[in-house]
Amino acid sequence: MRAGHTIRTILLIGAVAVAFTACGRRPGTLDTPYEAEIEARKQAEEDGRPAPPAPEKPVEDRPFILDSLI
């Protein structure tokens, strides 16, 4: 009887941990939209095409508390 409750509790804690891990943001190697726009402007200038409008600087990214779980 007690073993069943213990196993169920461990599985529940594991499921909650997996769910919380999915809430974080993985630091990626992809360019942000701002960086992509800067690169597009540089490429347009090199190719002699009209440059797209200057992108706005993004707001500082604050880390989320669950990011460290990833």
PDB file of N, CA and C in Angstrom:
ATOM      1  N   MET A   1       0.824  -1.181   0.000  1.00  0.00           N
ATOM      2  CA  MET A   1       0.000   0.000   0.000  1.00  0.00           C
ATOM      3  C   MET A   1       0.879   1.260   0.000  1.00  0.00           C
ATOM      4  N   ARG A   2       1.866   1.312   0.858  1.00  0.00           N
ATOM      5  CA  ARG A   2       2.738   2.468   0.944  1.00  0.00           C
ATOM      6  C   ARG A   2       3.603   2.616  -0.302  1.00  0.00           C
ATOM      7  N   ALA A   3       4.027   1.523  -0.899  1.00  0.00           N
ATOM      8  CA  ALA A   3       4.869   1.575  -2.099  1.00  0.00           C
ATOM      9  C   ALA A   3       4.105   2.226  -3.261  1.00  0.00           C
ATOM     10  N   GLY A   4       2.817   1.929  -3.342  1.00  0.00           N
ATOM     11  CA  GLY A   4       2.006   2.526  -4.400  1.00  0.00           C
ATOM     12  C   GLY A   4       1.918   4.034  -4.277  1.00  0.00           C
ATOM     13  N   HIS A   5       1.758   4.527  -3.065  1.00  0.00           N
ATOM     14  CA  HIS A   5       1.699   5.972  -2.837  1.00  0.00           C
ATOM     15  C   HIS A   5       3.053   6.621  -3.125  1.00  0.00           C
ATOM     16  N   THR A   6       4.121   5.951  -2.742  1.00  0.00           N
ATOM     17  CA  THR A   6       5.465   6.491  -2.966  1.00  0.00           C
ATOM     18  C   THR A   6       5.759   6.590  -4.459  1.00  0.00           C
ATOM     19  N   ILE A   7       5.447   5.547  -5.197  1.00  0.00           N
ATOM     20  CA  ILE A   7       5.686   5.549  -6.648  1.00  0.00           C
ATOM     21  C   ILE A   7       4.842   6.625  -7.313  1.00  0.00           C
ATOM     22  N   ARG A   8       3.593   6.738  -6.924  1.00  0.00           N
ATOM     23  CA  ARG A   8       2.708   7.745  -7.490  1.00  0.00           C
ATOM     24  C   ARG A   8       3.225   9.152  -7.190  1.00  0.00           C
ATOM     25  N   THR A   9       3.728   9.378  -5.988  1.00  0.00           N
ATOM     26  CA  THR A   9       4.271  10.678  -5.610  1.00  0.00           C
ATOM     27  C   THR A   9       5.514  11.010  -6.433  1.00  0.00           C
ATOM     28  N   ILE A  10       6.389  10.036  -6.608  1.00  0.00           N
ATOM     29  CA  ILE A  10       7.607  10.255  -7.391  1.00  0.00           C
ATOM     30  C   ILE A  10       7.250  10.567  -8.840  1.00  0.00           C
ATOM     31  N   LEU A  11       6.298   9.848  -9.410  1.00  0.00           N
ATOM     32  CA  LEU A  11       5.874  10.112 -10.783  1.00  0.00           C
ATOM     33  C   LEU A  11       5.245  11.494 -10.915  1.00  0.00           C
ATOM     34  N   LEU A  12       4.473  11.889  -9.926  1.00  0.00           N
ATOM     35  CA  LEU A  12       3.859  13.214  -9.950  1.00  0.00           C
ATOM     36  C   LEU A  12       4.916  14.314  -9.885  1.00  0.00           C
ATOM     37  N   ILE A  13       5.892  14.160  -9.028  1.00  0.00           N
ATOM     38  CA  ILE A  13       6.977  15.146  -8.928  1.00  0.00           C
ATOM     39  C   ILE A  13       7.763  15.201 -10.233  1.00  0.00           C
ATOM     40  N   GLY A  14       8.014  14.063 -10.847  1.00  0.00           N
ATOM     41  CA  GLY A  14       8.710  14.032 -12.133  1.00  0.00           C
ATOM     42  C   GLY A  14       7.920  14.729 -13.217  1.00  0.00           C
ATOM     43  N   ALA A  15       6.610  14.510 -13.256  1.00  0.00           N
ATOM     44  CA  ALA A  15       5.766  15.155 -14.263  1.00  0.00           C
ATOM     45  C   ALA A  15       5.744  16.673 -14.065  1.00  0.00           C
ATOM     46  N   VAL A  16       5.703  17.118 -12.827  1.00  0.00           N
ATOM     47  CA  VAL A  16       5.711  18.558 -12.543  1.00  0.00           C
ATOM     48  C   VAL A  16       7.061  19.165 -12.962  1.00  0.00           C
ATOM     49  N   ALA A  17       8.150  18.457 -12.707  1.00  0.00           N
ATOM     50  CA  ALA A  17       9.473  18.957 -13.100  1.00  0.00           C
ATOM     51  C   ALA A  17       9.582  19.075 -14.621  1.00  0.00           C
ATOM     52  N   VAL A  18       9.068  18.092 -15.346  1.00  0.00           N
ATOM     53  CA  VAL A  18       9.100  18.145 -16.812  1.00  0.00           C
ATOM     54  C   VAL A  18       8.239  19.305 -17.320  1.00  0.00           C
ATOM     55  N   ALA A  19       7.095  19.514 -16.715  1.00  0.00           N
ATOM     56  CA  ALA A  19       6.217  20.607 -17.128  1.00  0.00           C
ATOM     57  C   ALA A  19       6.878  21.965 -16.884  1.00  0.00           C
ATOM     58  N   PHE A  20       7.544  22.135 -15.759  1.00  0.00           N
ATOM     59  CA  PHE A  20       8.215  23.398 -15.469  1.00  0.00           C
ATOM     60  C   PHE A  20       9.397  23.629 -16.407  1.00  0.00           C
ATOM     61  N   THR A  21      10.083  22.576 -16.789  1.00  0.00           N
ATOM     62  CA  THR A  21      11.204  22.704 -17.713  1.00  0.00           C
ATOM     63  C   THR A  21      10.727  23.230 -19.058  1.00  0.00           C
ATOM     64  N   ALA A  22       9.542  22.844 -19.465  1.00  0.00           N
ATOM     65  CA  ALA A  22       9.000  23.303 -20.749  1.00  0.00           C
ATOM     66  C   ALA A  22       8.652  24.784 -20.723  1.00  0.00           C
ATOM     67  N   CYS A  23       8.613  25.403 -19.562  1.00  0.00           N
ATOM     68  CA  CYS A  23       8.266  26.825 -19.460  1.00  0.00           C
ATOM     69  C   CYS A  23       9.452  27.743 -19.733  1.00  0.00           C
ATOM     70  N   GLY A  24      10.666  27.235 -19.693  1.00  0.00           N
ATOM     71  CA  GLY A  24      11.849  28.068 -19.889  1.00  0.00           C
ATOM     72  C   GLY A  24      12.113  28.344 -21.354  1.00  0.00           C
ATOM     73  N   ARG A  25      13.109  29.171 -21.614  1.00  0.00           N
ATOM     74  CA  ARG A  25      13.514  29.488 -22.979  1.00  0.00           C
ATOM     75  C   ARG A  25      14.934  29.004 -23.179  1.00  0.00           C
ATOM     76  N   ARG A  26      15.133  28.236 -24.214  1.00  0.00           N
ATOM     77  CA  ARG A  26      16.461  27.714 -24.510  1.00  0.00           C
ATOM     78  C   ARG A  26      17.269  28.798 -25.228  1.00  0.00           C
ATOM     79  N   PRO A  27      18.483  29.041 -24.766  1.00  0.00           N
ATOM     80  CA  PRO A  27      19.309  30.006 -25.493  1.00  0.00           C
ATOM     81  C   PRO A  27      19.704  29.404 -26.835  1.00  0.00           C
ATOM     82  N   GLY A  28      19.354  30.045 -27.902  1.00  0.00           N
ATOM     83  CA  GLY A  28      19.580  29.472 -29.225  1.00  0.00           C
ATOM     84  C   GLY A  28      20.703  30.147 -29.970  1.00  0.00           C
ATOM     85  N   THR A  29      21.036  29.547 -31.096  1.00  0.00           N
ATOM     86  CA  THR A  29      22.064  30.115 -31.952  1.00  0.00           C
ATOM     87  C   THR A  29      21.433  30.891 -33.095  1.00  0.00           C
ATOM     88  N   LEU A  30      20.109  30.937 -33.158  1.00  0.00           N
ATOM     89  CA  LEU A  30      19.436  31.685 -34.200  1.00  0.00           C
ATOM     90  C   LEU A  30      19.549  33.174 -33.939  1.00  0.00           C
ATOM     91  N   ASP A  31      19.547  33.934 -35.019  1.00  0.00           N
ATOM     92  CA  ASP A  31      19.561  35.393 -34.882  1.00  0.00           C
ATOM     93  C   ASP A  31      18.210  35.869 -34.375  1.00  0.00           C
ATOM     94  N   THR A  32      18.245  36.919 -33.598  1.00  0.00           N
ATOM     95  CA  THR A  32      17.000  37.557 -33.183  1.00  0.00           C
ATOM     96  C   THR A  32      16.467  38.342 -34.375  1.00  0.00           C
ATOM     97  N   PRO A  33      15.200  38.712 -34.376  1.00  0.00           N
ATOM     98  CA  PRO A  33      14.678  39.518 -35.485  1.00  0.00           C
ATOM     99  C   PRO A  33      15.464  40.821 -35.675  1.00  0.00           C
ATOM    100  N   TYR A  34      15.909  41.426 -34.599  1.00  0.00           N
ATOM    101  CA  TYR A  34      16.703  42.655 -34.703  1.00  0.00           C
ATOM    102  C   TYR A  34      18.015  42.385 -35.443  1.00  0.00           C
ATOM    103  N   GLU A  35      18.714  41.320 -35.048  1.00  0.00           N
ATOM    104  CA  GLU A  35      19.978  40.981 -35.704  1.00  0.00           C
ATOM    105  C   GLU A  35      19.767  40.632 -37.176  1.00  0.00           C
ATOM    106  N   ALA A  36      18.668  39.961 -37.491  1.00  0.00           N
ATOM    107  CA  ALA A  36      18.367  39.613 -38.876  1.00  0.00           C
ATOM    108  C   ALA A  36      18.107  40.869 -39.714  1.00  0.00           C
ATOM    109  N   GLU A  37      17.430  41.852 -39.137  1.00  0.00           N
ATOM    110  CA  GLU A  37      17.176  43.097 -39.862  1.00  0.00           C
ATOM    111  C   GLU A  37      18.468  43.876 -40.091  1.00  0.00           C
ATOM    112  N   ILE A  38      19.348  43.888 -39.116  1.00  0.00           N
ATOM    113  CA  ILE A  38      20.644  44.557 -39.275  1.00  0.00           C
ATOM    114  C   ILE A  38      21.431  43.881 -40.396  1.00  0.00           C
ATOM    115  N   GLU A  39      21.445  42.562 -40.408  1.00  0.00           N
ATOM    116  CA  GLU A  39      22.153  41.810 -41.447  1.00  0.00           C
ATOM    117  C   GLU A  39      21.537  42.075 -42.823  1.00  0.00           C
ATOM    118  N   ALA A  40      20.213  42.169 -42.907  1.00  0.00           N
ATOM    119  CA  ALA A  40      19.538  42.448 -44.176  1.00  0.00           C
ATOM    120  C   ALA A  40      19.909  43.841 -44.682  1.00  0.00           C
ATOM    121  N   ARG A  41      20.020  44.803 -43.771  1.00  0.00           N
ATOM    122  CA  ARG A  41      20.423  46.160 -44.176  1.00  0.00           C
ATOM    123  C   ARG A  41      21.850  46.162 -44.723  1.00  0.00           C
ATOM    124  N   LYS A  42      22.749  45.464 -44.051  1.00  0.00           N
ATOM    125  CA  LYS A  42      24.139  45.398 -44.512  1.00  0.00           C
ATOM    126  C   LYS A  42      24.213  44.744 -45.892  1.00  0.00           C
ATOM    127  N   GLN A  43      23.467  43.662 -46.064  1.00  0.00           N
ATOM    128  CA  GLN A  43      23.474  42.950 -47.338  1.00  0.00           C
ATOM    129  C   GLN A  43      22.903  43.829 -48.454  1.00  0.00           C
ATOM    130  N   ALA A  44      21.846  44.568 -48.173  1.00  0.00           N
ATOM    131  CA  ALA A  44      21.250  45.450 -49.171  1.00  0.00           C
ATOM    132  C   ALA A  44      22.224  46.555 -49.573  1.00  0.00           C
ATOM    133  N   GLU A  45      22.949  47.105 -48.593  1.00  0.00           N
ATOM    134  CA  GLU A  45      23.925  48.151 -48.898  1.00  0.00           C
ATOM    135  C   GLU A  45      25.062  47.610 -49.753  1.00  0.00           C
ATOM    136  N   GLU A  46      25.511  46.381 -49.464  1.00  0.00           N
ATOM    137  CA  GLU A  46      26.581  45.767 -50.250  1.00  0.00           C
ATOM    138  C   GLU A  46      26.122  45.483 -51.677  1.00  0.00           C
ATOM    139  N   ASP A  47      24.862  45.099 -51.846  1.00  0.00           N
ATOM    140  CA  ASP A  47      24.338  44.768 -53.172  1.00  0.00           C
ATOM    141  C   ASP A  47      23.875  45.991 -53.949  1.00  0.00           C
ATOM    142  N   GLY A  48      23.858  47.154 -53.339  1.00  0.00           N
ATOM    143  CA  GLY A  48      23.438  48.371 -54.005  1.00  0.00           C
ATOM    144  C   GLY A  48      21.929  48.527 -54.080  1.00  0.00           C
ATOM    145  N   ARG A  49      21.194  47.753 -53.315  1.00  0.00           N
ATOM    146  CA  ARG A  49      19.734  47.869 -53.280  1.00  0.00           C
ATOM    147  C   ARG A  49      19.336  48.875 -52.210  1.00  0.00           C
ATOM    148  N   PRO A  50      18.108  49.396 -52.299  1.00  0.00           N
ATOM    149  CA  PRO A  50      17.661  50.294 -51.219  1.00  0.00           C
ATOM    150  C   PRO A  50      17.552  49.523 -49.894  1.00  0.00           C
ATOM    151  N   ALA A  51      18.034  50.145 -48.860  1.00  0.00           N
ATOM    152  CA  ALA A  51      18.037  49.487 -47.553  1.00  0.00           C
ATOM    153  C   ALA A  51      16.654  49.557 -46.928  1.00  0.00           C
ATOM    154  N   PRO A  52      16.250  48.479 -46.224  1.00  0.00           N
ATOM    155  CA  PRO A  52      14.979  48.539 -45.487  1.00  0.00           C
ATOM    156  C   PRO A  52      15.084  49.541 -44.344  1.00  0.00           C
ATOM    157  N   PRO A  53      13.946  49.926 -43.772  1.00  0.00           N
ATOM    158  CA  PRO A  53      14.001  50.900 -42.673  1.00  0.00           C
ATOM    159  C   PRO A  53      14.810  50.375 -41.494  1.00  0.00           C
ATOM    160  N   ALA A  54      15.397  51.302 -40.769  1.00  0.00           N
ATOM    161  CA  ALA A  54      16.224  50.929 -39.614  1.00  0.00           C
ATOM    162  C   ALA A  54      15.365  50.271 -38.541  1.00  0.00           C
ATOM    163  N   PRO A  55      15.822  49.144 -38.013  1.00  0.00           N
ATOM    164  CA  PRO A  55      15.039  48.475 -36.967  1.00  0.00           C
ATOM    165  C   PRO A  55      15.177  49.198 -35.632  1.00  0.00           C
ATOM    166  N   GLU A  56      14.158  49.031 -34.809  1.00  0.00           N
ATOM    167  CA  GLU A  56      14.200  49.607 -33.463  1.00  0.00           C
ATOM    168  C   GLU A  56      14.960  48.661 -32.539  1.00  0.00           C
ATOM    169  N   LYS A  57      15.743  49.229 -31.660  1.00  0.00           N
ATOM    170  CA  LYS A  57      16.496  48.420 -30.701  1.00  0.00           C
ATOM    171  C   LYS A  57      15.508  47.726 -29.769  1.00  0.00           C
ATOM    172  N   PRO A  58      15.650  46.401 -29.582  1.00  0.00           N
ATOM    173  CA  PRO A  58      14.700  45.696 -28.711  1.00  0.00           C
ATOM    174  C   PRO A  58      14.907  46.035 -27.241  1.00  0.00           C
ATOM    175  N   VAL A  59      13.888  45.777 -26.471  1.00  0.00           N
ATOM    176  CA  VAL A  59      13.950  45.972 -25.022  1.00  0.00           C
ATOM    177  C   VAL A  59      14.883  44.918 -24.442  1.00  0.00           C
ATOM    178  N   GLU A  60      15.634  45.280 -23.430  1.00  0.00           N
ATOM    179  CA  GLU A  60      16.570  44.347 -22.788  1.00  0.00           C
ATOM    180  C   GLU A  60      15.844  43.076 -22.355  1.00  0.00           C
ATOM    181  N   ASP A  61      16.415  41.934 -22.704  1.00  0.00           N
ATOM    182  CA  ASP A  61      15.813  40.643 -22.365  1.00  0.00           C
ATOM    183  C   ASP A  61      16.187  40.271 -20.936  1.00  0.00           C
ATOM    184  N   ARG A  62      15.168  40.053 -20.121  1.00  0.00           N
ATOM    185  CA  ARG A  62      15.409  39.650 -18.739  1.00  0.00           C
ATOM    186  C   ARG A  62      15.281  38.137 -18.638  1.00  0.00           C
ATOM    187  N   PRO A  63      16.179  37.476 -17.943  1.00  0.00           N
ATOM    188  CA  PRO A  63      16.072  36.023 -17.811  1.00  0.00           C
ATOM    189  C   PRO A  63      14.852  35.628 -16.979  1.00  0.00           C
ATOM    190  N   PHE A  64      14.287  34.492 -17.335  1.00  0.00           N
ATOM    191  CA  PHE A  64      13.139  33.956 -16.618  1.00  0.00           C
ATOM    192  C   PHE A  64      13.640  32.967 -15.582  1.00  0.00           C
ATOM    193  N   ILE A  65      12.976  32.839 -14.463  1.00  0.00           N
ATOM    194  CA  ILE A  65      13.449  32.002 -13.358  1.00  0.00           C
ATOM    195  C   ILE A  65      13.585  30.531 -13.754  1.00  0.00           C
ATOM    196  N   LEU A  66      12.760  30.068 -14.682  1.00  0.00           N
ATOM    197  CA  LEU A  66      12.809  28.664 -15.080  1.00  0.00           C
ATOM    198  C   LEU A  66      13.800  28.382 -16.202  1.00  0.00           C
ATOM    199  N   ASP A  67      14.486  29.400 -16.724  1.00  0.00           N
ATOM    200  CA  ASP A  67      15.465  29.195 -17.798  1.00  0.00           C
ATOM    201  C   ASP A  67      16.604  28.297 -17.356  1.00  0.00           C
ATOM    202  N   SER A  68      16.963  28.322 -16.109  1.00  0.00           N
ATOM    203  CA  SER A  68      18.090  27.523 -15.637  1.00  0.00           C
ATOM    204  C   SER A  68      17.788  26.033 -15.619  1.00  0.00           C
ATOM    205  N   LEU A  69      16.531  25.661 -15.752  1.00  0.00           N
ATOM    206  CA  LEU A  69      16.194  24.243 -15.753  1.00  0.00           C
ATOM    207  C   LEU A  69      16.506  23.557 -17.085  1.00  0.00           C
ATOM    208  N   ILE A  70      16.660  24.353 -18.127  1.00  0.00           N
ATOM    209  CA  ILE A  70      16.914  23.766 -19.447  1.00  0.00           C
ATOM    210  C   ILE A  70      18.336  23.329 -19.570  1.00  0.00           C
TER     211      ILE A  70
END
